[in-house]
Amino acid sequence: MGTRTVRLDDKSEEILEEICGTTGLSASAALKRGLLALRKEVRRQAIDRPYEIYERLDLGPGGYASAPSTKAKSAAKRAIRLKHGR
């Protein structure tokens, strides 16, 4: 178990005293619960990594591409020819 020295500004000290007075927790126990709550929130937010966001997107049915991306140049030429009748 580690020992930490923490400096609190006046506002934070008042909040900590209020929490301790209301709940009956010691300052140490109140700070531990605060750290646990913050960790839970941080972990919940950390889930939103790029792939998880992409996975939740509704991109529709797809399957409407006229060619694979490796043949995009020739597919664009073909699409232009079909559109303009040349």
Protein backbone atom coordinates (compact mmCIF):
# COMPACT_ATOMS: atom_id res chain seq x y z
CA MET A 1 0.00 0.00 0.00
CA GLY A 2 1.35 3.41 -0.98
CA THR A 3 1.19 6.67 0.89
CA ARG A 4 0.33 9.83 -1.06
CA THR A 5 0.39 13.44 -0.04
CA VAL A 6 -2.32 15.39 -1.81
CA ARG A 7 -2.80 19.14 -1.77
CA LEU A 8 -6.37 20.31 -2.11
CA ASP A 9 -7.47 23.84 -2.88
CA ASP A 10 -9.98 25.47 -0.53
CA LYS A 11 -13.00 24.49 -2.65
CA SER A 12 -11.93 20.83 -2.88
CA GLU A 13 -11.24 20.75 0.86
CA GLU A 14 -14.77 22.06 1.55
CA ILE A 15 -16.28 19.44 -0.76
CA LEU A 16 -14.29 16.65 0.91
CA GLU A 17 -15.36 17.82 4.38
CA GLU A 18 -19.01 17.96 3.24
CA ILE A 19 -18.82 14.44 1.82
CA CYS A 20 -17.17 13.09 4.95
CA GLY A 21 -19.71 14.82 7.18
CA THR A 22 -22.69 13.63 5.18
CA THR A 23 -21.59 10.04 4.61
CA GLY A 24 -19.54 9.39 7.75
CA LEU A 25 -16.66 8.18 5.57
CA SER A 26 -13.07 9.04 6.38
CA ALA A 27 -11.23 11.31 3.94
CA SER A 28 -9.25 8.31 2.72
CA ALA A 29 -12.39 6.22 2.09
CA ALA A 30 -14.12 9.11 0.32
CA LEU A 31 -11.12 9.63 -1.95
CA LYS A 32 -10.95 5.89 -2.71
CA ARG A 33 -14.61 5.86 -3.73
CA GLY A 34 -14.01 8.93 -5.88
CA LEU A 35 -11.11 7.21 -7.62
CA LEU A 36 -13.21 4.11 -8.25
CA ALA A 37 -16.02 6.21 -9.73
CA LEU A 38 -13.57 8.07 -11.98
CA ARG A 39 -11.98 4.80 -13.13
CA LYS A 40 -15.40 3.43 -14.05
CA GLU A 41 -16.18 6.55 -16.08
CA VAL A 42 -12.79 6.52 -17.82
CA ARG A 43 -13.16 2.85 -18.76
CA ARG A 44 -16.64 3.49 -20.13
CA GLN A 45 -15.32 6.32 -22.30
CA ALA A 46 -12.26 4.37 -23.39
CA ILE A 47 -14.52 1.85 -25.15
CA ASP A 48 -15.16 4.40 -27.88
CA ARG A 49 -12.11 3.47 -29.93
CA PRO A 50 -12.28 4.05 -33.68
CA TYR A 51 -13.27 0.49 -34.58
CA GLU A 52 -16.02 0.37 -31.94
CA ILE A 53 -17.47 3.61 -33.31
CA TYR A 54 -17.28 2.27 -36.87
CA GLU A 55 -18.88 -0.99 -35.77
CA ARG A 56 -21.91 0.87 -34.37
CA LEU A 57 -22.47 2.96 -37.50
CA ASP A 58 -25.35 1.98 -39.74
CA LEU A 59 -23.78 2.11 -43.18
CA GLY A 60 -26.76 0.60 -44.95
CA PRO A 61 -26.86 -2.52 -47.05
CA GLY A 62 -23.86 -1.71 -49.25
CA GLY A 63 -23.01 -3.90 -52.20
CA TYR A 64 -23.69 -1.16 -54.76
CA ALA A 65 -20.10 -0.52 -55.87
CA SER A 66 -19.59 -0.98 -59.59
CA ALA A 67 -16.06 -2.32 -59.16
CA PRO A 68 -13.52 -3.10 -56.46
CA SER A 69 -11.29 -0.21 -55.34
CA THR A 70 -8.32 -1.79 -57.13
CA LYS A 71 -10.10 -1.19 -60.46
CA ALA A 72 -11.53 2.23 -59.64
CA LYS A 73 -9.83 4.04 -62.52
CA SER A 74 -11.16 1.73 -65.24
CA ALA A 75 -14.58 1.58 -63.56
CA ALA A 76 -14.79 5.40 -63.57
CA LYS A 77 -13.96 5.49 -67.29
CA ARG A 78 -16.61 2.87 -68.00
CA ALA A 79 -19.23 4.74 -65.92
CA ILE A 80 -18.52 7.99 -67.78
CA ARG A 81 -18.75 6.22 -71.15
CA LEU A 82 -22.12 4.67 -70.18
CA LYS A 83 -23.48 7.99 -68.92
CA HIS A 84 -22.48 9.96 -72.01
CA GLY A 85 -23.11 7.20 -74.53
CA ARG A 86 -19.62 7.15 -76.04
